[in-house]
Amino acid sequence: MINENLITNILVVFFGIFSGPVILQLLQFYKNRKIERILNSKDIIKIFQDDKSFYKKFISSVLKEKYFEYMTGIKTNINTISKYINFKNKLKNDYTWEDIKIARKYLKTDKKKIYIKITKRQLFLADIGIISMPLLFLPVFILLFYIPEYPEISEWKIQILLFLIFCVLSFVLFKIFNYAYPVFIAKNMKKRLIK
């Protein structure tokens, strides 16, 4: 027979783990909405078209940068936009703009092109991070199954403790994943460029 407290505790744990990504998606939605308003503002273009030199030197490049950011998610300057397009074309259809945005930390630019730079240390740390992810859950599950043996601890204290533990654990896992995933994408992109 399954303990009802155990089911409640597991539900609290899952709520703690999955609440972070939802907040991040909401923040990204509002950022994209702000950029879309800027791009759709025809009044800005009409105001500055009278001053051709200012429009050409500043406004048109800012609009191109914002449009590129809106379409790809990559915030960059006017000089590197064509380099990013050429880089994506070299990758062919294997990678999307989202993949390039994720691996951007490891993309370097020179005068002519974008190249990938990953150190052996970064690859090693990413491997260690991915291997350690399941090990982080082990003490929590041990705690989850042994807590019911202590009836003097009230149920709400157990739920708060588990929620806090999983909030911290989800933050640590989020940090590990945010470090390791871009490394692996950049590593695979580098292999693709070598072919």
C-alpha atoms as a PDB file:
ATOM      1  CA  MET A   1       0.000   0.000   0.000  1.00  0.00           C
ATOM      2  CA  ILE A   2       1.363   3.405  -1.008  1.00  0.00           C
ATOM      3  CA  ASN A   3       1.714   5.962   1.730  1.00  0.00           C
ATOM      4  CA  GLU A   4      -0.450   9.053   1.018  1.00  0.00           C
ATOM      5  CA  ASN A   5       2.189  11.330   2.518  1.00  0.00           C
ATOM      6  CA  LEU A   6       4.758   9.922   0.109  1.00  0.00           C
ATOM      7  CA  ILE A   7       2.559  10.802  -2.891  1.00  0.00           C
ATOM      8  CA  THR A   8       2.045  14.332  -1.559  1.00  0.00           C
ATOM      9  CA  ASN A   9       5.779  14.722  -1.005  1.00  0.00           C
ATOM     10  CA  ILE A  10       6.556  13.532  -4.533  1.00  0.00           C
ATOM     11  CA  LEU A  11       4.054  16.053  -5.968  1.00  0.00           C
ATOM     12  CA  VAL A  12       5.703  18.843  -3.967  1.00  0.00           C
ATOM     13  CA  VAL A  13       9.082  17.763  -5.340  1.00  0.00           C
ATOM     14  CA  PHE A  14       7.932  17.853  -8.963  1.00  0.00           C
ATOM     15  CA  PHE A  15       6.359  21.276  -8.482  1.00  0.00           C
ATOM     16  CA  GLY A  16       9.713  22.530  -7.155  1.00  0.00           C
ATOM     17  CA  ILE A  17      11.622  21.135 -10.115  1.00  0.00           C
ATOM     18  CA  PHE A  18       9.366  22.392 -12.911  1.00  0.00           C
ATOM     19  CA  SER A  19       8.510  25.888 -11.646  1.00  0.00           C
ATOM     20  CA  GLY A  20      11.828  27.477 -12.775  1.00  0.00           C
ATOM     21  CA  PRO A  21      11.644  26.859 -16.557  1.00  0.00           C
ATOM     22  CA  VAL A  22       8.101  28.260 -16.747  1.00  0.00           C
ATOM     23  CA  ILE A  23       9.264  31.569 -15.263  1.00  0.00           C
ATOM     24  CA  LEU A  24      12.163  31.749 -17.742  1.00  0.00           C
ATOM     25  CA  GLN A  25       9.808  31.193 -20.683  1.00  0.00           C
ATOM     26  CA  LEU A  26       7.536  34.010 -19.484  1.00  0.00           C
ATOM     27  CA  LEU A  27      10.489  36.404 -19.279  1.00  0.00           C
ATOM     28  CA  GLN A  28      11.577  35.483 -22.837  1.00  0.00           C
ATOM     29  CA  PHE A  29       8.009  36.024 -24.091  1.00  0.00           C
ATOM     30  CA  TYR A  30       7.900  39.577 -22.718  1.00  0.00           C
ATOM     31  CA  LYS A  31      11.335  40.368 -24.165  1.00  0.00           C
ATOM     32  CA  ASN A  32      10.237  39.187 -27.630  1.00  0.00           C
ATOM     33  CA  ARG A  33       7.048  41.239 -27.366  1.00  0.00           C
ATOM     34  CA  LYS A  34       9.070  44.387 -26.635  1.00  0.00           C
ATOM     35  CA  ILE A  35      11.328  43.788 -29.670  1.00  0.00           C
ATOM     36  CA  GLU A  36       8.297  43.128 -31.869  1.00  0.00           C
ATOM     37  CA  ARG A  37       6.757  46.469 -30.849  1.00  0.00           C
ATOM     38  CA  ILE A  38       9.969  48.276 -31.798  1.00  0.00           C
ATOM     39  CA  LEU A  39      10.131  46.579 -35.186  1.00  0.00           C
ATOM     40  CA  ASN A  40       6.473  47.257 -35.957  1.00  0.00           C
ATOM     41  CA  SER A  41       6.666  50.932 -35.047  1.00  0.00           C
ATOM     42  CA  LYS A  42       6.331  52.660 -38.410  1.00  0.00           C
ATOM     43  CA  ASP A  43       6.352  56.060 -36.721  1.00  0.00           C
ATOM     44  CA  ILE A  44      10.056  55.713 -35.902  1.00  0.00           C
ATOM     45  CA  ILE A  45      10.922  55.055 -39.529  1.00  0.00           C
ATOM     46  CA  LYS A  46       8.778  57.989 -40.771  1.00  0.00           C
ATOM     47  CA  ILE A  47      10.283  60.438 -38.269  1.00  0.00           C
ATOM     48  CA  PHE A  48      13.888  59.688 -39.184  1.00  0.00           C
ATOM     49  CA  GLN A  49      13.537  59.242 -42.948  1.00  0.00           C
ATOM     50  CA  ASP A  50      13.725  63.006 -43.356  1.00  0.00           C
ATOM     51  CA  ASP A  51      17.246  63.007 -41.940  1.00  0.00           C
ATOM     52  CA  LYS A  52      18.777  60.565 -44.441  1.00  0.00           C
ATOM     53  CA  SER A  53      22.306  60.500 -43.008  1.00  0.00           C
ATOM     54  CA  PHE A  54      21.121  59.780 -39.445  1.00  0.00           C
ATOM     55  CA  TYR A  55      18.690  57.170 -40.748  1.00  0.00           C
ATOM     56  CA  LYS A  56      21.352  55.467 -42.849  1.00  0.00           C
ATOM     57  CA  LYS A  57      24.135  55.572 -40.251  1.00  0.00           C
ATOM     58  CA  PHE A  58      22.169  54.733 -37.136  1.00  0.00           C
ATOM     59  CA  ILE A  59      18.468  53.892 -37.431  1.00  0.00           C
ATOM     60  CA  SER A  60      18.701  51.384 -40.286  1.00  0.00           C
ATOM     61  CA  SER A  61      21.504  49.440 -38.598  1.00  0.00           C
ATOM     62  CA  VAL A  62      19.650  49.386 -35.259  1.00  0.00           C
ATOM     63  CA  LEU A  63      16.507  48.132 -37.001  1.00  0.00           C
ATOM     64  CA  LYS A  64      18.520  45.418 -38.783  1.00  0.00           C
ATOM     65  CA  GLU A  65      20.110  44.342 -35.490  1.00  0.00           C
ATOM     66  CA  LYS A  66      16.729  44.239 -33.715  1.00  0.00           C
ATOM     67  CA  TYR A  67      15.149  42.330 -36.588  1.00  0.00           C
ATOM     68  CA  PHE A  68      18.003  39.816 -36.573  1.00  0.00           C
ATOM     69  CA  GLU A  69      17.638  39.431 -32.795  1.00  0.00           C
ATOM     70  CA  TYR A  70      13.877  38.987 -33.116  1.00  0.00           C
ATOM     71  CA  MET A  71      14.197  36.328 -35.811  1.00  0.00           C
ATOM     72  CA  THR A  72      17.161  34.394 -34.360  1.00  0.00           C
ATOM     73  CA  GLY A  73      17.319  35.242 -30.666  1.00  0.00           C
ATOM     74  CA  ILE A  74      20.951  36.310 -31.104  1.00  0.00           C
ATOM     75  CA  LYS A  75      21.844  39.819 -30.004  1.00  0.00           C
ATOM     76  CA  THR A  76      24.744  41.062 -32.102  1.00  0.00           C
ATOM     77  CA  ASN A  77      25.980  44.074 -34.039  1.00  0.00           C
ATOM     78  CA  ILE A  78      25.484  44.901 -37.701  1.00  0.00           C
ATOM     79  CA  ASN A  79      29.012  43.767 -38.661  1.00  0.00           C
ATOM     80  CA  THR A  80      28.594  40.162 -37.481  1.00  0.00           C
ATOM     81  CA  ILE A  81      25.107  39.488 -38.821  1.00  0.00           C
ATOM     82  CA  SER A  82      26.448  38.338 -42.204  1.00  0.00           C
ATOM     83  CA  LYS A  83      29.065  36.190 -40.427  1.00  0.00           C
ATOM     84  CA  TYR A  84      26.316  34.429 -38.480  1.00  0.00           C
ATOM     85  CA  ILE A  85      24.352  33.822 -41.673  1.00  0.00           C
ATOM     86  CA  ASN A  86      27.434  32.366 -43.395  1.00  0.00           C
ATOM     87  CA  PHE A  87      28.171  30.236 -40.311  1.00  0.00           C
ATOM     88  CA  LYS A  88      24.638  28.799 -40.329  1.00  0.00           C
ATOM     89  CA  ASN A  89      24.901  28.102 -44.059  1.00  0.00           C
ATOM     90  CA  LYS A  90      28.149  26.153 -43.489  1.00  0.00           C
ATOM     91  CA  LEU A  91      26.314  24.001 -40.931  1.00  0.00           C
ATOM     92  CA  LYS A  92      23.685  23.294 -43.613  1.00  0.00           C
ATOM     93  CA  ASN A  93      20.294  22.183 -42.284  1.00  0.00           C
ATOM     94  CA  ASP A  94      21.638  20.309 -39.289  1.00  0.00           C
ATOM     95  CA  TYR A  95      21.354  23.221 -36.846  1.00  0.00           C
ATOM     96  CA  THR A  96      18.780  25.913 -36.170  1.00  0.00           C
ATOM     97  CA  TRP A  97      19.218  29.472 -34.976  1.00  0.00           C
ATOM     98  CA  GLU A  98      18.225  28.263 -31.522  1.00  0.00           C
ATOM     99  CA  ASP A  99      21.168  25.824 -31.530  1.00  0.00           C
ATOM    100  CA  ILE A 100      23.546  28.585 -32.603  1.00  0.00           C
ATOM    101  CA  LYS A 101      22.172  30.849 -29.881  1.00  0.00           C
ATOM    102  CA  ILE A 102      22.743  28.148 -27.258  1.00  0.00           C
ATOM    103  CA  ALA A 103      26.335  27.538 -28.405  1.00  0.00           C
ATOM    104  CA  ARG A 104      27.087  31.261 -28.814  1.00  0.00           C
ATOM    105  CA  LYS A 105      29.342  31.363 -25.768  1.00  0.00           C
ATOM    106  CA  TYR A 106      31.838  29.193 -27.662  1.00  0.00           C
ATOM    107  CA  LEU A 107      31.593  31.017 -30.981  1.00  0.00           C
ATOM    108  CA  LYS A 108      34.399  33.501 -31.686  1.00  0.00           C
ATOM    109  CA  THR A 109      34.631  35.972 -34.527  1.00  0.00           C
ATOM    110  CA  ASP A 110      37.587  37.209 -36.488  1.00  0.00           C
ATOM    111  CA  LYS A 111      37.667  39.588 -39.449  1.00  0.00           C
ATOM    112  CA  LYS A 112      36.255  37.074 -41.905  1.00  0.00           C
ATOM    113  CA  LYS A 113      34.264  34.358 -40.130  1.00  0.00           C
ATOM    114  CA  ILE A 114      32.933  32.753 -36.984  1.00  0.00           C
ATOM    115  CA  TYR A 115      34.771  29.779 -35.550  1.00  0.00           C
ATOM    116  CA  ILE A 116      34.257  27.507 -32.528  1.00  0.00           C
ATOM    117  CA  LYS A 117      36.658  27.496 -29.602  1.00  0.00           C
ATOM    118  CA  ILE A 118      36.230  24.886 -26.858  1.00  0.00           C
ATOM    119  CA  THR A 119      39.000  23.884 -24.479  1.00  0.00           C
ATOM    120  CA  LYS A 120      39.610  20.355 -23.218  1.00  0.00           C
ATOM    121  CA  ARG A 121      38.904  21.615 -19.709  1.00  0.00           C
ATOM    122  CA  GLN A 122      35.441  22.809 -20.759  1.00  0.00           C
ATOM    123  CA  LEU A 123      34.684  19.453 -22.367  1.00  0.00           C
ATOM    124  CA  PHE A 124      35.903  17.612 -19.252  1.00  0.00           C
ATOM    125  CA  LEU A 125      33.773  19.759 -16.907  1.00  0.00           C
ATOM    126  CA  ALA A 126      30.708  19.259 -19.101  1.00  0.00           C
ATOM    127  CA  ASP A 127      31.210  15.475 -19.014  1.00  0.00           C
ATOM    128  CA  ILE A 128      31.626  15.513 -15.223  1.00  0.00           C
ATOM    129  CA  GLY A 129      28.511  17.674 -14.865  1.00  0.00           C
ATOM    130  CA  ILE A 130      26.340  15.329 -16.912  1.00  0.00           C
ATOM    131  CA  ILE A 131      27.656  12.270 -15.050  1.00  0.00           C
ATOM    132  CA  SER A 132      27.002  13.907 -11.663  1.00  0.00           C
ATOM    133  CA  MET A 133      23.392  14.900 -12.423  1.00  0.00           C
ATOM    134  CA  PRO A 134      21.793  11.543 -11.478  1.00  0.00           C
ATOM    135  CA  LEU A 135      24.008  11.283  -8.403  1.00  0.00           C
ATOM    136  CA  LEU A 136      22.486  14.492  -7.020  1.00  0.00           C
ATOM    137  CA  PHE A 137      19.087  12.817  -6.790  1.00  0.00           C
ATOM    138  CA  LEU A 138      20.297   9.856  -4.742  1.00  0.00           C
ATOM    139  CA  PRO A 139      20.424  11.504  -1.286  1.00  0.00           C
ATOM    140  CA  VAL A 140      17.057  13.186  -1.858  1.00  0.00           C
ATOM    141  CA  PHE A 141      15.313   9.911  -2.693  1.00  0.00           C
ATOM    142  CA  ILE A 142      16.915   8.236   0.295  1.00  0.00           C
ATOM    143  CA  LEU A 143      15.598  11.071   2.471  1.00  0.00           C
ATOM    144  CA  LEU A 144      12.184  10.826   0.816  1.00  0.00           C
ATOM    145  CA  PHE A 145      11.753   7.166   1.741  1.00  0.00           C
ATOM    146  CA  TYR A 146      13.166   7.373   5.288  1.00  0.00           C
ATOM    147  CA  ILE A 147      11.264  10.461   6.517  1.00  0.00           C
ATOM    148  CA  PRO A 148       7.972   8.550   7.123  1.00  0.00           C
ATOM    149  CA  GLU A 149       9.818   6.550   9.793  1.00  0.00           C
ATOM    150  CA  TYR A 150       9.925   9.686  11.984  1.00  0.00           C
ATOM    151  CA  PRO A 151       6.305  10.463  12.960  1.00  0.00           C
ATOM    152  CA  GLU A 152       7.333  13.278  15.338  1.00  0.00           C
ATOM    153  CA  ILE A 153       8.086  15.502  12.319  1.00  0.00           C
ATOM    154  CA  SER A 154       4.872  17.082  11.053  1.00  0.00           C
ATOM    155  CA  GLU A 155       3.815  16.570   7.460  1.00  0.00           C
ATOM    156  CA  TRP A 156       3.925  20.260   6.467  1.00  0.00           C
ATOM    157  CA  LYS A 157       7.517  20.565   7.742  1.00  0.00           C
ATOM    158  CA  ILE A 158       8.490  17.597   5.609  1.00  0.00           C
ATOM    159  CA  GLN A 159       6.822  19.129   2.548  1.00  0.00           C
ATOM    160  CA  ILE A 160       8.520  22.483   3.068  1.00  0.00           C
ATOM    161  CA  LEU A 161      11.875  20.763   3.561  1.00  0.00           C
ATOM    162  CA  LEU A 162      11.441  18.691   0.417  1.00  0.00           C
ATOM    163  CA  PHE A 163      10.277  21.702  -1.581  1.00  0.00           C
ATOM    164  CA  LEU A 164      13.326  23.731  -0.510  1.00  0.00           C
ATOM    165  CA  ILE A 165      15.690  20.830  -1.207  1.00  0.00           C
ATOM    166  CA  PHE A 166      14.284  20.366  -4.679  1.00  0.00           C
ATOM    167  CA  CYS A 167      14.328  24.083  -5.415  1.00  0.00           C
ATOM    168  CA  VAL A 168      18.040  24.130  -4.598  1.00  0.00           C
ATOM    169  CA  LEU A 169      18.574  20.869  -6.481  1.00  0.00           C
ATOM    170  CA  SER A 170      16.721  22.140  -9.552  1.00  0.00           C
ATOM    171  CA  PHE A 171      18.837  25.313  -9.481  1.00  0.00           C
ATOM    172  CA  VAL A 172      22.039  23.232  -9.353  1.00  0.00           C
ATOM    173  CA  LEU A 173      20.810  20.952 -12.146  1.00  0.00           C
ATOM    174  CA  PHE A 174      19.807  23.993 -14.196  1.00  0.00           C
ATOM    175  CA  LYS A 175      23.305  25.445 -13.801  1.00  0.00           C
ATOM    176  CA  ILE A 176      24.973  22.148 -14.747  1.00  0.00           C
ATOM    177  CA  PHE A 177      22.720  21.742 -17.781  1.00  0.00           C
ATOM    178  CA  ASN A 178      23.257  25.364 -18.862  1.00  0.00           C
ATOM    179  CA  TYR A 179      26.995  24.761 -18.793  1.00  0.00           C
ATOM    180  CA  ALA A 180      27.107  21.295 -20.373  1.00  0.00           C
ATOM    181  CA  TYR A 181      24.469  21.545 -23.106  1.00  0.00           C
ATOM    182  CA  PRO A 182      26.072  24.467 -25.009  1.00  0.00           C
ATOM    183  CA  VAL A 183      29.445  22.707 -24.824  1.00  0.00           C
ATOM    184  CA  PHE A 184      28.025  19.578 -26.442  1.00  0.00           C
ATOM    185  CA  ILE A 185      26.198  21.542 -29.146  1.00  0.00           C
ATOM    186  CA  ALA A 186      29.348  23.538 -29.957  1.00  0.00           C
ATOM    187  CA  LYS A 187      31.407  20.326 -30.006  1.00  0.00           C
ATOM    188  CA  ASN A 188      28.990  18.740 -32.494  1.00  0.00           C
ATOM    189  CA  MET A 189      28.960  21.893 -34.620  1.00  0.00           C
ATOM    190  CA  LYS A 190      32.743  21.826 -34.735  1.00  0.00           C
ATOM    191  CA  LYS A 191      32.654  18.202 -35.921  1.00  0.00           C
ATOM    192  CA  ARG A 192      30.108  19.166 -38.585  1.00  0.00           C
ATOM    193  CA  LEU A 193      32.321  22.008 -39.861  1.00  0.00           C
ATOM    194  CA  ILE A 194      35.325  19.703 -40.113  1.00  0.00           C
ATOM    195  CA  LYS A 195      33.471  17.201 -42.361  1.00  0.00           C
END
